[in-house]
Amino acid sequence: MNYSYYNSVDPPTRPIYIYNDCSLTELGIFISSILLSGGAFFSQIIATLQKSKCSTISCLGSKCIREVDSNTF
């Protein structure tokens, strides 16, 4: 883009619009990064819950009561 028009002495007679068009590639990369981040967050929560020694787990609106074998840790 040429921004040298802004440095001129005379003000512009009509508005100048600068568009930042988003291509489908950029949109796909953005959506993919959001999905991958969400998946990593979810898998981290599941991994933490699996390693937990608690018999009652309440997380993200769900509740689980389980038997914990103390020999596996």
PDB file of N, CA and C in Angstrom:
ATOM      1  N   MET A   1       0.824  -1.179   0.000  1.00  0.00           N
ATOM      2  CA  MET A   1       0.000   0.000   0.000  1.00  0.00           C
ATOM      3  C   MET A   1       0.870   1.244   0.000  1.00  0.00           C
ATOM      4  N   ASN A   2       0.347   2.268  -0.582  1.00  0.00           N
ATOM      5  CA  ASN A   2       1.065   3.525  -0.648  1.00  0.00           C
ATOM      6  C   ASN A   2       0.422   4.493   0.338  1.00  0.00           C
ATOM      7  N   TYR A   3       1.130   4.799   1.431  1.00  0.00           N
ATOM      8  CA  TYR A   3       0.622   5.705   2.439  1.00  0.00           C
ATOM      9  C   TYR A   3       1.155   7.121   2.266  1.00  0.00           C
ATOM     10  N   SER A   4       1.840   7.412   1.175  1.00  0.00           N
ATOM     11  CA  SER A   4       2.415   8.738   0.972  1.00  0.00           C
ATOM     12  C   SER A   4       1.346   9.804   0.775  1.00  0.00           C
ATOM     13  N   TYR A   5       0.117   9.410   0.434  1.00  0.00           N
ATOM     14  CA  TYR A   5      -0.965  10.372   0.252  1.00  0.00           C
ATOM     15  C   TYR A   5      -1.308  11.068   1.565  1.00  0.00           C
ATOM     16  N   TYR A   6      -1.105  10.390   2.698  1.00  0.00           N
ATOM     17  CA  TYR A   6      -1.399  10.980   3.996  1.00  0.00           C
ATOM     18  C   TYR A   6      -0.430  12.099   4.350  1.00  0.00           C
ATOM     19  N   ASN A   7       0.736  12.091   3.763  1.00  0.00           N
ATOM     20  CA  ASN A   7       1.739  13.101   4.064  1.00  0.00           C
ATOM     21  C   ASN A   7       1.579  14.366   3.240  1.00  0.00           C
ATOM     22  N   SER A   8       0.605  14.406   2.379  1.00  0.00           N
ATOM     23  CA  SER A   8       0.430  15.597   1.550  1.00  0.00           C
ATOM     24  C   SER A   8      -0.172  16.730   2.370  1.00  0.00           C
ATOM     25  N   VAL A   9      -0.036  17.943   1.867  1.00  0.00           N
ATOM     26  CA  VAL A   9      -0.497  19.136   2.574  1.00  0.00           C
ATOM     27  C   VAL A   9      -2.009  19.278   2.470  1.00  0.00           C
ATOM     28  N   ASP A  10      -2.576  19.002   1.323  1.00  0.00           N
ATOM     29  CA  ASP A  10      -4.011  19.158   1.118  1.00  0.00           C
ATOM     30  C   ASP A  10      -4.754  17.958   1.709  1.00  0.00           C
ATOM     31  N   PRO A  11      -5.851  18.212   2.419  1.00  0.00           N
ATOM     32  CA  PRO A  11      -6.642  17.084   2.936  1.00  0.00           C
ATOM     33  C   PRO A  11      -7.345  16.375   1.779  1.00  0.00           C
ATOM     34  N   PRO A  12      -7.595  15.116   1.906  1.00  0.00           N
ATOM     35  CA  PRO A  12      -8.266  14.390   0.811  1.00  0.00           C
ATOM     36  C   PRO A  12      -9.711  14.853   0.654  1.00  0.00           C
ATOM     37  N   THR A  13     -10.200  14.837  -0.568  1.00  0.00           N
ATOM     38  CA  THR A  13     -11.563  15.282  -0.844  1.00  0.00           C
ATOM     39  C   THR A  13     -12.580  14.172  -0.595  1.00  0.00           C
ATOM     40  N   ARG A  14     -12.162  12.957  -0.571  1.00  0.00           N
ATOM     41  CA  ARG A  14     -13.060  11.839  -0.291  1.00  0.00           C
ATOM     42  C   ARG A  14     -12.382  10.900   0.706  1.00  0.00           C
ATOM     43  N   PRO A  15     -13.136  10.102   1.428  1.00  0.00           N
ATOM     44  CA  PRO A  15     -12.533   9.223   2.440  1.00  0.00           C
ATOM     45  C   PRO A  15     -11.652   8.147   1.800  1.00  0.00           C
ATOM     46  N   ILE A  16     -10.633   7.789   2.523  1.00  0.00           N
ATOM     47  CA  ILE A  16      -9.721   6.741   2.074  1.00  0.00           C
ATOM     48  C   ILE A  16     -10.018   5.498   2.906  1.00  0.00           C
ATOM     49  N   TYR A  17     -10.336   4.419   2.254  1.00  0.00           N
ATOM     50  CA  TYR A  17     -10.623   3.165   2.931  1.00  0.00           C
ATOM     51  C   TYR A  17      -9.460   2.205   2.740  1.00  0.00           C
ATOM     52  N   ILE A  18      -9.013   1.627   3.826  1.00  0.00           N
ATOM     53  CA  ILE A  18      -7.951   0.636   3.764  1.00  0.00           C
ATOM     54  C   ILE A  18      -8.542  -0.688   4.224  1.00  0.00           C
ATOM     55  N   TYR A  19      -8.571  -1.648   3.343  1.00  0.00           N
ATOM     56  CA  TYR A  19      -9.165  -2.947   3.642  1.00  0.00           C
ATOM     57  C   TYR A  19      -8.067  -3.947   3.976  1.00  0.00           C
ATOM     58  N   ASN A  20      -8.376  -4.776   4.936  1.00  0.00           N
ATOM     59  CA  ASN A  20      -7.498  -5.890   5.264  1.00  0.00           C
ATOM     60  C   ASN A  20      -8.294  -7.160   5.020  1.00  0.00           C
ATOM     61  N   ASP A  21      -8.313  -7.604   3.790  1.00  0.00           N
ATOM     62  CA  ASP A  21      -9.086  -8.784   3.436  1.00  0.00           C
ATOM     63  C   ASP A  21      -8.454 -10.025   4.036  1.00  0.00           C
ATOM     64  N   CYS A  22      -9.293 -10.890   4.553  1.00  0.00           N
ATOM     65  CA  CYS A  22      -8.845 -12.145   5.147  1.00  0.00           C
ATOM     66  C   CYS A  22      -9.094 -13.252   4.135  1.00  0.00           C
ATOM     67  N   SER A  23      -8.058 -13.943   3.754  1.00  0.00           N
ATOM     68  CA  SER A  23      -8.217 -15.014   2.785  1.00  0.00           C
ATOM     69  C   SER A  23      -8.699 -16.278   3.488  1.00  0.00           C
ATOM     70  N   LEU A  24      -9.146 -17.239   2.711  1.00  0.00           N
ATOM     71  CA  LEU A  24      -9.600 -18.500   3.286  1.00  0.00           C
ATOM     72  C   LEU A  24      -8.460 -19.259   3.955  1.00  0.00           C
ATOM     73  N   THR A  25      -7.258 -19.076   3.464  1.00  0.00           N
ATOM     74  CA  THR A  25      -6.100 -19.728   4.078  1.00  0.00           C
ATOM     75  C   THR A  25      -5.861 -19.185   5.486  1.00  0.00           C
ATOM     76  N   GLU A  26      -5.901 -17.885   5.632  1.00  0.00           N
ATOM     77  CA  GLU A  26      -5.707 -17.289   6.956  1.00  0.00           C
ATOM     78  C   GLU A  26      -6.824 -17.684   7.907  1.00  0.00           C
ATOM     79  N   LEU A  27      -8.052 -17.713   7.407  1.00  0.00           N
ATOM     80  CA  LEU A  27      -9.180 -18.117   8.233  1.00  0.00           C
ATOM     81  C   LEU A  27      -9.052 -19.580   8.651  1.00  0.00           C
ATOM     82  N   GLY A  28      -8.619 -20.437   7.746  1.00  0.00           N
ATOM     83  CA  GLY A  28      -8.416 -21.851   8.061  1.00  0.00           C
ATOM     84  C   GLY A  28      -7.327 -22.058   9.092  1.00  0.00           C
ATOM     85  N   ILE A  29      -6.257 -21.293   8.988  1.00  0.00           N
ATOM     86  CA  ILE A  29      -5.169 -21.389   9.964  1.00  0.00           C
ATOM     87  C   ILE A  29      -5.663 -20.936  11.332  1.00  0.00           C
ATOM     88  N   PHE A  30      -6.443 -19.865  11.380  1.00  0.00           N
ATOM     89  CA  PHE A  30      -6.978 -19.366  12.645  1.00  0.00           C
ATOM     90  C   PHE A  30      -7.902 -20.396  13.291  1.00  0.00           C
ATOM     91  N   ILE A  31      -8.829 -20.959  12.529  1.00  0.00           N
ATOM     92  CA  ILE A  31      -9.763 -21.948  13.067  1.00  0.00           C
ATOM     93  C   ILE A  31      -9.016 -23.204  13.512  1.00  0.00           C
ATOM     94  N   SER A  32      -8.041 -23.637  12.737  1.00  0.00           N
ATOM     95  CA  SER A  32      -7.252 -24.812  13.108  1.00  0.00           C
ATOM     96  C   SER A  32      -6.485 -24.583  14.400  1.00  0.00           C
ATOM     97  N   SER A  33      -5.918 -23.407  14.563  1.00  0.00           N
ATOM     98  CA  SER A  33      -5.167 -23.132  15.788  1.00  0.00           C
ATOM     99  C   SER A  33      -6.083 -23.103  17.000  1.00  0.00           C
ATOM    100  N   ILE A  34      -7.292 -22.574  16.852  1.00  0.00           N
ATOM    101  CA  ILE A  34      -8.248 -22.573  17.958  1.00  0.00           C
ATOM    102  C   ILE A  34      -8.646 -24.000  18.319  1.00  0.00           C
ATOM    103  N   LEU A  35      -8.933 -24.832  17.316  1.00  0.00           N
ATOM    104  CA  LEU A  35      -9.317 -26.216  17.578  1.00  0.00           C
ATOM    105  C   LEU A  35      -8.180 -27.011  18.203  1.00  0.00           C
ATOM    106  N   LEU A  36      -6.963 -26.816  17.721  1.00  0.00           N
ATOM    107  CA  LEU A  36      -5.819 -27.538  18.287  1.00  0.00           C
ATOM    108  C   LEU A  36      -5.528 -27.098  19.713  1.00  0.00           C
ATOM    109  N   SER A  37      -5.667 -25.820  19.988  1.00  0.00           N
ATOM    110  CA  SER A  37      -5.462 -25.341  21.353  1.00  0.00           C
ATOM    111  C   SER A  37      -6.520 -25.900  22.294  1.00  0.00           C
ATOM    112  N   GLY A  38      -7.756 -25.932  21.851  1.00  0.00           N
ATOM    113  CA  GLY A  38      -8.827 -26.505  22.662  1.00  0.00           C
ATOM    114  C   GLY A  38      -8.625 -27.990  22.904  1.00  0.00           C
ATOM    115  N   GLY A  39      -8.173 -28.705  21.889  1.00  0.00           N
ATOM    116  CA  GLY A  39      -7.892 -30.131  22.046  1.00  0.00           C
ATOM    117  C   GLY A  39      -6.752 -30.391  23.012  1.00  0.00           C
ATOM    118  N   ALA A  40      -5.724 -29.563  22.943  1.00  0.00           N
ATOM    119  CA  ALA A  40      -4.599 -29.711  23.868  1.00  0.00           C
ATOM    120  C   ALA A  40      -5.035 -29.419  25.295  1.00  0.00           C
ATOM    121  N   PHE A  41      -5.871 -28.414  25.489  1.00  0.00           N
ATOM    122  CA  PHE A  41      -6.383 -28.087  26.816  1.00  0.00           C
ATOM    123  C   PHE A  41      -7.222 -29.241  27.360  1.00  0.00           C
ATOM    124  N   PHE A  42      -8.103 -29.787  26.540  1.00  0.00           N
ATOM    125  CA  PHE A  42      -8.955 -30.895  26.957  1.00  0.00           C
ATOM    126  C   PHE A  42      -8.132 -32.131  27.290  1.00  0.00           C
ATOM    127  N   SER A  43      -7.141 -32.452  26.471  1.00  0.00           N
ATOM    128  CA  SER A  43      -6.311 -33.626  26.749  1.00  0.00           C
ATOM    129  C   SER A  43      -5.471 -33.434  28.003  1.00  0.00           C
ATOM    130  N   GLN A  44      -5.067 -32.217  28.297  1.00  0.00           N
ATOM    131  CA  GLN A  44      -4.315 -31.944  29.523  1.00  0.00           C
ATOM    132  C   GLN A  44      -5.197 -32.142  30.752  1.00  0.00           C
ATOM    133  N   ILE A  45      -6.460 -31.747  30.669  1.00  0.00           N
ATOM    134  CA  ILE A  45      -7.387 -31.965  31.778  1.00  0.00           C
ATOM    135  C   ILE A  45      -7.615 -33.458  31.986  1.00  0.00           C
ATOM    136  N   ILE A  46      -7.811 -34.203  30.913  1.00  0.00           N
ATOM    137  CA  ILE A  46      -8.023 -35.647  31.018  1.00  0.00           C
ATOM    138  C   ILE A  46      -6.797 -36.330  31.612  1.00  0.00           C
ATOM    139  N   ALA A  47      -5.603 -35.940  31.188  1.00  0.00           N
ATOM    140  CA  ALA A  47      -4.371 -36.532  31.721  1.00  0.00           C
ATOM    141  C   ALA A  47      -4.220 -36.239  33.208  1.00  0.00           C
ATOM    142  N   THR A  48      -4.571 -35.029  33.626  1.00  0.00           N
ATOM    143  CA  THR A  48      -4.496 -34.675  35.043  1.00  0.00           C
ATOM    144  C   THR A  48      -5.505 -35.472  35.858  1.00  0.00           C
ATOM    145  N   LEU A  49      -6.703 -35.658  35.316  1.00  0.00           N
ATOM    146  CA  LEU A  49      -7.713 -36.437  36.027  1.00  0.00           C
ATOM    147  C   LEU A  49      -7.323 -37.904  36.139  1.00  0.00           C
ATOM    148  N   GLN A  50      -6.659 -38.445  35.129  1.00  0.00           N
ATOM    149  CA  GLN A  50      -6.237 -39.839  35.180  1.00  0.00           C
ATOM    150  C   GLN A  50      -5.153 -40.058  36.227  1.00  0.00           C
ATOM    151  N   LYS A  51      -4.296 -39.092  36.437  1.00  0.00           N
ATOM    152  CA  LYS A  51      -3.222 -39.210  37.419  1.00  0.00           C
ATOM    153  C   LYS A  51      -3.676 -38.875  38.830  1.00  0.00           C
ATOM    154  N   SER A  52      -4.879 -38.360  38.974  1.00  0.00           N
ATOM    155  CA  SER A  52      -5.378 -37.935  40.275  1.00  0.00           C
ATOM    156  C   SER A  52      -5.632 -39.136  41.182  1.00  0.00           C
ATOM    157  N   LYS A  53      -5.388 -38.968  42.466  1.00  0.00           N
ATOM    158  CA  LYS A  53      -5.648 -40.021  43.444  1.00  0.00           C
ATOM    159  C   LYS A  53      -6.980 -39.814  44.157  1.00  0.00           C
ATOM    160  N   CYS A  54      -7.760 -38.871  43.713  1.00  0.00           N
ATOM    161  CA  CYS A  54      -9.050 -38.587  44.336  1.00  0.00           C
ATOM    162  C   CYS A  54     -10.070 -39.640  43.916  1.00  0.00           C
ATOM    163  N   SER A  55     -10.970 -39.977  44.852  1.00  0.00           N
ATOM    164  CA  SER A  55     -12.012 -40.949  44.524  1.00  0.00           C
ATOM    165  C   SER A  55     -13.255 -40.257  43.963  1.00  0.00           C
ATOM    166  N   THR A  56     -13.457 -38.996  44.287  1.00  0.00           N
ATOM    167  CA  THR A  56     -14.572 -38.223  43.756  1.00  0.00           C
ATOM    168  C   THR A  56     -14.011 -37.031  42.985  1.00  0.00           C
ATOM    169  N   ILE A  57     -14.334 -36.982  41.716  1.00  0.00           N
ATOM    170  CA  ILE A  57     -13.837 -35.909  40.856  1.00  0.00           C
ATOM    171  C   ILE A  57     -15.026 -35.145  40.293  1.00  0.00           C
ATOM    172  N   SER A  58     -15.009 -33.841  40.455  1.00  0.00           N
ATOM    173  CA  SER A  58     -16.044 -32.976  39.912  1.00  0.00           C
ATOM    174  C   SER A  58     -15.347 -31.912  39.070  1.00  0.00           C
ATOM    175  N   CYS A  59     -15.532 -31.985  37.742  1.00  0.00           N
ATOM    176  CA  CYS A  59     -14.808 -31.094  36.841  1.00  0.00           C
ATOM    177  C   CYS A  59     -15.667 -30.771  35.623  1.00  0.00           C
ATOM    178  N   LEU A  60     -15.711 -29.519  35.260  1.00  0.00           N
ATOM    179  CA  LEU A  60     -16.406 -29.036  34.061  1.00  0.00           C
ATOM    180  C   LEU A  60     -17.861 -29.501  33.994  1.00  0.00           C
ATOM    181  N   GLY A  61     -18.543 -29.478  35.127  1.00  0.00           N
ATOM    182  CA  GLY A  61     -19.957 -29.816  35.144  1.00  0.00           C
ATOM    183  C   GLY A  61     -20.261 -31.292  35.225  1.00  0.00           C
ATOM    184  N   SER A  62     -19.262 -32.152  35.312  1.00  0.00           N
ATOM    185  CA  SER A  62     -19.503 -33.588  35.448  1.00  0.00           C
ATOM    186  C   SER A  62     -18.891 -34.080  36.754  1.00  0.00           C
ATOM    187  N   LYS A  63     -19.461 -35.155  37.282  1.00  0.00           N
ATOM    188  CA  LYS A  63     -19.006 -35.700  38.554  1.00  0.00           C
ATOM    189  C   LYS A  63     -18.748 -37.186  38.375  1.00  0.00           C
ATOM    190  N   CYS A  64     -17.637 -37.651  38.917  1.00  0.00           N
ATOM    191  CA  CYS A  64     -17.233 -39.044  38.763  1.00  0.00           C
ATOM    192  C   CYS A  64     -16.810 -39.588  40.130  1.00  0.00           C
ATOM    193  N   ILE A  65     -17.343 -40.749  40.494  1.00  0.00           N
ATOM    194  CA  ILE A  65     -16.917 -41.452  41.702  1.00  0.00           C
ATOM    195  C   ILE A  65     -16.252 -42.731  41.234  1.00  0.00           C
ATOM    196  N   ARG A  66     -15.008 -42.949  41.654  1.00  0.00           N
ATOM    197  CA  ARG A  66     -14.256 -44.099  41.167  1.00  0.00           C
ATOM    198  C   ARG A  66     -13.445 -44.727  42.290  1.00  0.00           C
ATOM    199  N   GLU A  67     -13.030 -45.950  42.032  1.00  0.00           N
ATOM    200  CA  GLU A  67     -12.150 -46.633  42.968  1.00  0.00           C
ATOM    201  C   GLU A  67     -10.723 -46.391  42.518  1.00  0.00           C
ATOM    202  N   VAL A  68      -9.883 -46.025  43.460  1.00  0.00           N
ATOM    203  CA  VAL A  68      -8.488 -45.704  43.135  1.00  0.00           C
ATOM    204  C   VAL A  68      -7.606 -46.804  43.696  1.00  0.00           C
ATOM    205  N   ASP A  69      -6.789 -47.390  42.863  1.00  0.00           N
ATOM    206  CA  ASP A  69      -5.828 -48.395  43.295  1.00  0.00           C
ATOM    207  C   ASP A  69      -4.533 -47.680  43.626  1.00  0.00           C
ATOM    208  N   SER A  70      -4.133 -47.704  44.870  1.00  0.00           N
ATOM    209  CA  SER A  70      -2.951 -46.957  45.306  1.00  0.00           C
ATOM    210  C   SER A  70      -1.653 -47.600  44.833  1.00  0.00           C
ATOM    211  N   ASN A  71      -1.704 -48.836  44.342  1.00  0.00           N
ATOM    212  CA  ASN A  71      -0.475 -49.510  43.872  1.00  0.00           C
ATOM    213  C   ASN A  71      -0.047 -49.069  42.482  1.00  0.00           C
ATOM    214  N   THR A  72      -0.921 -48.413  41.739  1.00  0.00           N
ATOM    215  CA  THR A  72      -0.594 -48.043  40.363  1.00  0.00           C
ATOM    216  C   THR A  72       0.193 -46.741  40.278  1.00  0.00           C
ATOM    217  N   PHE A  73       0.330 -46.007  41.372  1.00  0.00           N
ATOM    218  CA  PHE A  73       1.023 -44.716  41.323  1.00  0.00           C
ATOM    219  C   PHE A  73       2.385 -44.807  41.907  1.00  0.00           C
TER     220      PHE A  73
END
